[in-house]
PDB file of N, CA and C in Angstrom:
ATOM      1  N   MET A   1       0.830  -1.164   0.000  1.00  0.00           N
ATOM      2  CA  MET A   1       0.000   0.000   0.000  1.00  0.00           C
ATOM      3  C   MET A   1       0.883   1.238   0.000  1.00  0.00           C
ATOM      4  N   PHE A   2       0.357   2.330   0.380  1.00  0.00           N
ATOM      5  CA  PHE A   2       1.103   3.583   0.364  1.00  0.00           C
ATOM      6  C   PHE A   2       2.157   3.599   1.457  1.00  0.00           C
ATOM      7  N   GLY A   3       3.322   4.118   1.134  1.00  0.00           N
ATOM      8  CA  GLY A   3       4.373   4.258   2.123  1.00  0.00           C
ATOM      9  C   GLY A   3       5.225   3.027   2.346  1.00  0.00           C
ATOM     10  N   ILE A   4       4.869   1.911   1.744  1.00  0.00           N
ATOM     11  CA  ILE A   4       5.658   0.694   1.905  1.00  0.00           C
ATOM     12  C   ILE A   4       6.703   0.658   0.797  1.00  0.00           C
ATOM     13  N   LYS A   5       7.946   0.601   1.204  1.00  0.00           N
ATOM     14  CA  LYS A   5       9.021   0.520   0.216  1.00  0.00           C
ATOM     15  C   LYS A   5       9.501  -0.913   0.140  1.00  0.00           C
ATOM     16  N   ARG A   6       9.630  -1.391  -1.075  1.00  0.00           N
ATOM     17  CA  ARG A   6      10.113  -2.748  -1.292  1.00  0.00           C
ATOM     18  C   ARG A   6      11.525  -2.678  -1.840  1.00  0.00           C
ATOM     19  N   LYS A   7      12.340  -3.612  -1.419  1.00  0.00           N
ATOM     20  CA  LYS A   7      13.694  -3.666  -1.945  1.00  0.00           C
ATOM     21  C   LYS A   7      13.635  -4.205  -3.375  1.00  0.00           C
ATOM     22  N   GLU A   8      14.347  -3.515  -4.242  1.00  0.00           N
ATOM     23  CA  GLU A   8      14.376  -3.931  -5.643  1.00  0.00           C
ATOM     24  C   GLU A   8      15.396  -5.049  -5.802  1.00  0.00           C
ATOM     25  N   LYS A   9      14.940  -6.200  -6.290  1.00  0.00           N
ATOM     26  CA  LYS A   9      15.825  -7.330  -6.517  1.00  0.00           C
ATOM     27  C   LYS A   9      16.131  -7.423  -8.003  1.00  0.00           C
ATOM     28  N   LEU A  10      17.362  -7.746  -8.305  1.00  0.00           N
ATOM     29  CA  LEU A  10      17.728  -7.964  -9.698  1.00  0.00           C
ATOM     30  C   LEU A  10      17.235  -9.338 -10.118  1.00  0.00           C
ATOM     31  N   PRO A  11      16.811  -9.464 -11.368  1.00  0.00           N
ATOM     32  CA  PRO A  11      16.347 -10.768 -11.832  1.00  0.00           C
ATOM     33  C   PRO A  11      17.469 -11.804 -11.786  1.00  0.00           C
ATOM     34  N   GLU A  12      17.090 -13.038 -11.597  1.00  0.00           N
ATOM     35  CA  GLU A  12      18.061 -14.125 -11.524  1.00  0.00           C
ATOM     36  C   GLU A  12      18.453 -14.541 -12.933  1.00  0.00           C
ATOM     37  N   ILE A  13      19.387 -13.812 -13.511  1.00  0.00           N
ATOM     38  CA  ILE A  13      19.867 -14.094 -14.859  1.00  0.00           C
ATOM     39  C   ILE A  13      21.315 -14.538 -14.741  1.00  0.00           C
ATOM     40  N   LYS A  14      21.642 -15.612 -15.400  1.00  0.00           N
ATOM     41  CA  LYS A  14      23.013 -16.113 -15.389  1.00  0.00           C
ATOM     42  C   LYS A  14      23.823 -15.373 -16.440  1.00  0.00           C
ATOM     43  N   PHE A  15      24.973 -14.841 -16.043  1.00  0.00           N
ATOM     44  CA  PHE A  15      25.865 -14.132 -16.953  1.00  0.00           C
ATOM     45  C   PHE A  15      27.019 -15.045 -17.313  1.00  0.00           C
ATOM     46  N   ASP A  16      27.170 -15.311 -18.609  1.00  0.00           N
ATOM     47  CA  ASP A  16      28.255 -16.134 -19.115  1.00  0.00           C
ATOM     48  C   ASP A  16      29.135 -15.266 -20.010  1.00  0.00           C
ATOM     49  N   PRO A  17      30.310 -14.843 -19.526  1.00  0.00           N
ATOM     50  CA  PRO A  17      31.153 -13.930 -20.314  1.00  0.00           C
ATOM     51  C   PRO A  17      31.672 -14.527 -21.617  1.00  0.00           C
ATOM     52  N   THR A  18      31.596 -15.850 -21.768  1.00  0.00           N
ATOM     53  CA  THR A  18      32.051 -16.452 -23.024  1.00  0.00           C
ATOM     54  C   THR A  18      31.024 -16.301 -24.136  1.00  0.00           C
ATOM     55  N   THR A  19      29.747 -16.159 -23.781  1.00  0.00           N
ATOM     56  CA  THR A  19      28.704 -16.034 -24.798  1.00  0.00           C
ATOM     57  C   THR A  19      27.948 -14.715 -24.746  1.00  0.00           C
ATOM     58  N   GLN A  20      28.156 -13.930 -23.685  1.00  0.00           N
ATOM     59  CA  GLN A  20      27.428 -12.672 -23.516  1.00  0.00           C
ATOM     60  C   GLN A  20      28.394 -11.541 -23.192  1.00  0.00           C
ATOM     61  N   LYS A  21      27.941 -10.304 -23.458  1.00  0.00           N
ATOM     62  CA  LYS A  21      28.688  -9.128 -23.029  1.00  0.00           C
ATOM     63  C   LYS A  21      27.729  -8.168 -22.339  1.00  0.00           C
ATOM     64  N   ALA A  22      28.257  -7.440 -21.361  1.00  0.00           N
ATOM     65  CA  ALA A  22      27.449  -6.478 -20.617  1.00  0.00           C
ATOM     66  C   ALA A  22      27.268  -5.230 -21.476  1.00  0.00           C
ATOM     67  N   VAL A  23      26.022  -4.728 -21.524  1.00  0.00           N
ATOM     68  CA  VAL A  23      25.706  -3.620 -22.411  1.00  0.00           C
ATOM     69  C   VAL A  23      24.885  -2.575 -21.664  1.00  0.00           C
ATOM     70  N   ILE A  24      25.206  -1.299 -21.916  1.00  0.00           N
ATOM     71  CA  ILE A  24      24.344  -0.200 -21.488  1.00  0.00           C
ATOM     72  C   ILE A  24      23.612   0.253 -22.736  1.00  0.00           C
ATOM     73  N   ARG A  25      22.305   0.177 -22.699  1.00  0.00           N
ATOM     74  CA  ARG A  25      21.494   0.591 -23.846  1.00  0.00           C
ATOM     75  C   ARG A  25      20.848   1.931 -23.509  1.00  0.00           C
ATOM     76  N   SER A  26      21.014   2.879 -24.405  1.00  0.00           N
ATOM     77  CA  SER A  26      20.504   4.225 -24.199  1.00  0.00           C
ATOM     78  C   SER A  26      19.558   4.592 -25.330  1.00  0.00           C
ATOM     79  N   SER A  27      18.408   5.148 -24.987  1.00  0.00           N
ATOM     80  CA  SER A  27      17.432   5.575 -25.982  1.00  0.00           C
ATOM     81  C   SER A  27      17.899   6.877 -26.620  1.00  0.00           C
ATOM     82  N   ILE A  28      17.856   6.941 -27.925  1.00  0.00           N
ATOM     83  CA  ILE A  28      18.244   8.149 -28.636  1.00  0.00           C
ATOM     84  C   ILE A  28      17.236   9.265 -28.383  1.00  0.00           C
ATOM     85  N   CYS A  29      15.976   8.932 -28.307  1.00  0.00           N
ATOM     86  CA  CYS A  29      14.917   9.939 -28.150  1.00  0.00           C
ATOM     87  C   CYS A  29      14.830  10.500 -26.732  1.00  0.00           C
ATOM     88  N   THR A  30      14.729   9.618 -25.751  1.00  0.00           N
ATOM     89  CA  THR A  30      14.457  10.065 -24.383  1.00  0.00           C
ATOM     90  C   THR A  30      15.687  10.084 -23.487  1.00  0.00           C
ATOM     91  N   GLY A  31      16.726   9.372 -23.866  1.00  0.00           N
ATOM     92  CA  GLY A  31      17.925   9.303 -23.042  1.00  0.00           C
ATOM     93  C   GLY A  31      17.833   8.289 -21.915  1.00  0.00           C
ATOM     94  N   GLU A  32      16.736   7.527 -21.846  1.00  0.00           N
ATOM     95  CA  GLU A  32      16.602   6.504 -20.817  1.00  0.00           C
ATOM     96  C   GLU A  32      17.671   5.440 -21.028  1.00  0.00           C
ATOM     97  N   LYS A  33      18.197   4.931 -19.920  1.00  0.00           N
ATOM     98  CA  LYS A  33      19.246   3.923 -19.992  1.00  0.00           C
ATOM     99  C   LYS A  33      18.809   2.659 -19.273  1.00  0.00           C
ATOM    100  N   THR A  34      19.202   1.533 -19.849  1.00  0.00           N
ATOM    101  CA  THR A  34      19.015   0.241 -19.213  1.00  0.00           C
ATOM    102  C   THR A  34      20.321  -0.524 -19.324  1.00  0.00           C
ATOM    103  N   VAL A  35      20.525  -1.465 -18.418  1.00  0.00           N
ATOM    104  CA  VAL A  35      21.689  -2.334 -18.494  1.00  0.00           C
ATOM    105  C   VAL A  35      21.206  -3.761 -18.651  1.00  0.00           C
ATOM    106  N   GLY A  36      22.006  -4.541 -19.347  1.00  0.00           N
ATOM    107  CA  GLY A  36      21.639  -5.925 -19.576  1.00  0.00           C
ATOM    108  C   GLY A  36      22.761  -6.667 -20.256  1.00  0.00           C
ATOM    109  N   PHE A  37      22.410  -7.783 -20.862  1.00  0.00           N
ATOM    110  CA  PHE A  37      23.388  -8.635 -21.523  1.00  0.00           C
ATOM    111  C   PHE A  37      22.985  -8.855 -22.969  1.00  0.00           C
ATOM    112  N   LYS A  38      23.985  -8.884 -23.843  1.00  0.00           N
ATOM    113  CA  LYS A  38      23.756  -9.101 -25.266  1.00  0.00           C
ATOM    114  C   LYS A  38      24.498 -10.366 -25.675  1.00  0.00           C
ATOM    115  N   ASP A  39      23.780 -11.272 -26.330  1.00  0.00           N
ATOM    116  CA  ASP A  39      24.373 -12.503 -26.818  1.00  0.00           C
ATOM    117  C   ASP A  39      25.326 -12.170 -27.963  1.00  0.00           C
ATOM    118  N   ILE A  40      26.540 -12.669 -27.903  1.00  0.00           N
ATOM    119  CA  ILE A  40      27.557 -12.347 -28.902  1.00  0.00           C
ATOM    120  C   ILE A  40      27.188 -12.895 -30.276  1.00  0.00           C
ATOM    121  N   LYS A  41      26.626 -14.093 -30.338  1.00  0.00           N
ATOM    122  CA  LYS A  41      26.316 -14.720 -31.631  1.00  0.00           C
ATOM    123  C   LYS A  41      25.038 -14.184 -32.261  1.00  0.00           C
ATOM    124  N   THR A  42      23.968 -14.115 -31.473  1.00  0.00           N
ATOM    125  CA  THR A  42      22.662 -13.759 -32.040  1.00  0.00           C
ATOM    126  C   THR A  42      22.354 -12.268 -31.960  1.00  0.00           C
ATOM    127  N   GLY A  43      22.984 -11.557 -31.026  1.00  0.00           N
ATOM    128  CA  GLY A  43      22.698 -10.137 -30.837  1.00  0.00           C
ATOM    129  C   GLY A  43      21.465  -9.874 -29.998  1.00  0.00           C
ATOM    130  N   LYS A  44      20.866 -10.934 -29.442  1.00  0.00           N
ATOM    131  CA  LYS A  44      19.673 -10.785 -28.610  1.00  0.00           C
ATOM    132  C   LYS A  44      20.040 -10.094 -27.305  1.00  0.00           C
ATOM    133  N   TYR A  45      19.248  -9.082 -26.928  1.00  0.00           N
ATOM    134  CA  TYR A  45      19.490  -8.286 -25.725  1.00  0.00           C
ATOM    135  C   TYR A  45      18.534  -8.718 -24.623  1.00  0.00           C
ATOM    136  N   ILE A  46      19.080  -8.960 -23.438  1.00  0.00           N
ATOM    137  CA  ILE A  46      18.278  -9.295 -22.257  1.00  0.00           C
ATOM    138  C   ILE A  46      18.362  -8.114 -21.304  1.00  0.00           C
ATOM    139  N   ASP A  47      17.253  -7.447 -21.093  1.00  0.00           N
ATOM    140  CA  ASP A  47      17.187  -6.281 -20.222  1.00  0.00           C
ATOM    141  C   ASP A  47      17.167  -6.738 -18.769  1.00  0.00           C
ATOM    142  N   VAL A  48      18.059  -6.185 -17.945  1.00  0.00           N
ATOM    143  CA  VAL A  48      18.124  -6.570 -16.540  1.00  0.00           C
ATOM    144  C   VAL A  48      17.522  -5.499 -15.640  1.00  0.00           C
ATOM    145  N   MET A  49      17.914  -4.232 -15.849  1.00  0.00           N
ATOM    146  CA  MET A  49      17.382  -3.191 -14.979  1.00  0.00           C
ATOM    147  C   MET A  49      17.448  -1.821 -15.630  1.00  0.00           C
ATOM    148  N   PHE A  50      16.579  -0.934 -15.168  1.00  0.00           N
ATOM    149  CA  PHE A  50      16.521   0.456 -15.597  1.00  0.00           C
ATOM    150  C   PHE A  50      17.539   1.250 -14.783  1.00  0.00           C
ATOM    151  N   VAL A  51      18.258   2.155 -15.428  1.00  0.00           N
ATOM    152  CA  VAL A  51      19.290   2.947 -14.751  1.00  0.00           C
ATOM    153  C   VAL A  51      18.760   4.347 -14.470  1.00  0.00           C
ATOM    154  N   ARG A  52      18.721   4.702 -13.192  1.00  0.00           N
ATOM    155  CA  ARG A  52      18.300   6.046 -12.801  1.00  0.00           C
ATOM    156  C   ARG A  52      19.490   6.930 -12.479  1.00  0.00           C
ATOM    157  N   ASN A  53      20.565   6.310 -11.955  1.00  0.00           N
ATOM    158  CA  ASN A  53      21.757   7.073 -11.593  1.00  0.00           C
ATOM    159  C   ASN A  53      22.974   6.152 -11.593  1.00  0.00           C
ATOM    160  N   GLU A  54      24.110   6.712 -11.255  1.00  0.00           N
ATOM    161  CA  GLU A  54      25.371   5.968 -11.269  1.00  0.00           C
ATOM    162  C   GLU A  54      25.386   4.835 -10.240  1.00  0.00           C
ATOM    163  N   LEU A  55      24.645   4.988  -9.163  1.00  0.00           N
ATOM    164  CA  LEU A  55      24.585   3.940  -8.140  1.00  0.00           C
ATOM    165  C   LEU A  55      23.954   2.657  -8.682  1.00  0.00           C
ATOM    166  N   ASP A  56      22.965   2.799  -9.579  1.00  0.00           N
ATOM    167  CA  ASP A  56      22.350   1.618 -10.197  1.00  0.00           C
ATOM    168  C   ASP A  56      23.363   0.848 -11.030  1.00  0.00           C
ATOM    169  N   ILE A  57      24.217   1.574 -11.740  1.00  0.00           N
ATOM    170  CA  ILE A  57      25.246   0.919 -12.553  1.00  0.00           C
ATOM    171  C   ILE A  57      26.244   0.201 -11.647  1.00  0.00           C
ATOM    172  N   GLU A  58      26.627   0.829 -10.560  1.00  0.00           N
ATOM    173  CA  GLU A  58      27.560   0.201  -9.618  1.00  0.00           C
ATOM    174  C   GLU A  58      26.955  -1.055  -8.991  1.00  0.00           C
ATOM    175  N   LYS A  59      25.663  -1.011  -8.676  1.00  0.00           N
ATOM    176  CA  LYS A  59      24.973  -2.176  -8.109  1.00  0.00           C
ATOM    177  C   LYS A  59      24.978  -3.332  -9.111  1.00  0.00           C
ATOM    178  N   PHE A  60      24.719  -3.020 -10.368  1.00  0.00           N
ATOM    179  CA  PHE A  60      24.724  -4.027 -11.429  1.00  0.00           C
ATOM    180  C   PHE A  60      26.118  -4.634 -11.575  1.00  0.00           C
ATOM    181  N   LYS A  61      27.149  -3.800 -11.606  1.00  0.00           N
ATOM    182  CA  LYS A  61      28.530  -4.278 -11.742  1.00  0.00           C
ATOM    183  C   LYS A  61      28.911  -5.200 -10.588  1.00  0.00           C
ATOM    184  N   LYS A  62      28.556  -4.793  -9.377  1.00  0.00           N
ATOM    185  CA  LYS A  62      28.903  -5.572  -8.190  1.00  0.00           C
ATOM    186  C   LYS A  62      28.175  -6.917  -8.182  1.00  0.00           C
ATOM    187  N   THR A  63      26.903  -6.909  -8.552  1.00  0.00           N
ATOM    188  CA  THR A  63      26.105  -8.132  -8.535  1.00  0.00           C
ATOM    189  C   THR A  63      26.621  -9.175  -9.522  1.00  0.00           C
ATOM    190  N   TYR A  64      26.994  -8.726 -10.727  1.00  0.00           N
ATOM    191  CA  TYR A  64      27.403  -9.661 -11.775  1.00  0.00           C
ATOM    192  C   TYR A  64      28.910  -9.717 -11.987  1.00  0.00           C
ATOM    193  N   GLY A  65      29.703  -8.959 -11.211  1.00  0.00           N
ATOM    194  CA  GLY A  65      31.153  -9.000 -11.313  1.00  0.00           C
ATOM    195  C   GLY A  65      31.671  -8.482 -12.644  1.00  0.00           C
ATOM    196  N   ILE A  66      31.167  -7.338 -13.073  1.00  0.00           N
ATOM    197  CA  ILE A  66      31.493  -6.776 -14.381  1.00  0.00           C
ATOM    198  C   ILE A  66      32.336  -5.518 -14.205  1.00  0.00           C
ATOM    199  N   ASP A  67      33.332  -5.358 -15.093  1.00  0.00           N
ATOM    200  CA  ASP A  67      34.174  -4.169 -15.058  1.00  0.00           C
ATOM    201  C   ASP A  67      33.921  -3.259 -16.252  1.00  0.00           C
ATOM    202  N   ILE A  68      33.681  -3.849 -17.413  1.00  0.00           N
ATOM    203  CA  ILE A  68      33.584  -3.067 -18.655  1.00  0.00           C
ATOM    204  C   ILE A  68      32.224  -3.272 -19.312  1.00  0.00           C
ATOM    205  N   PHE A  69      31.669  -2.162 -19.830  1.00  0.00           N
ATOM    206  CA  PHE A  69      30.416  -2.187 -20.557  1.00  0.00           C
ATOM    207  C   PHE A  69      30.664  -1.803 -22.010  1.00  0.00           C
ATOM    208  N   GLU A  70      29.781  -2.245 -22.875  1.00  0.00           N
ATOM    209  CA  GLU A  70      29.730  -1.747 -24.234  1.00  0.00           C
ATOM    210  C   GLU A  70      28.461  -0.901 -24.328  1.00  0.00           C
ATOM    211  N   VAL A  71      28.543   0.238 -24.981  1.00  0.00           N
ATOM    212  CA  VAL A  71      27.368   1.099 -25.135  1.00  0.00           C
ATOM    213  C   VAL A  71      26.667   0.728 -26.432  1.00  0.00           C
ATOM    214  N   ASP A  72      25.360   0.457 -26.331  1.00  0.00           N
ATOM    215  CA  ASP A  72      24.564   0.037 -27.473  1.00  0.00           C
ATOM    216  C   ASP A  72      23.399   0.998 -27.631  1.00  0.00           C
ATOM    217  N   TYR A  73      23.234   1.540 -28.831  1.00  0.00           N
ATOM    218  CA  TYR A  73      22.147   2.500 -29.091  1.00  0.00           C
ATOM    219  C   TYR A  73      21.045   1.876 -29.886  1.00  0.00           C
TER     220      TYR A  73
END
């Protein structure tokens, strides 16, 4: 109900660095950003979370053990 804050959990997605790469996707029109994983062979993008600020990106990096992102438009 009103006033109840829930902790945001990241989806249980397995990250395999041999077949996937971490991607920040940014909308050209609105500038909204999301982070997720892109399959290297097929190019399929799996959206993990919406980015509101730099702390969200740090949380994503820490959770999945990622250092480098590729920017995808």
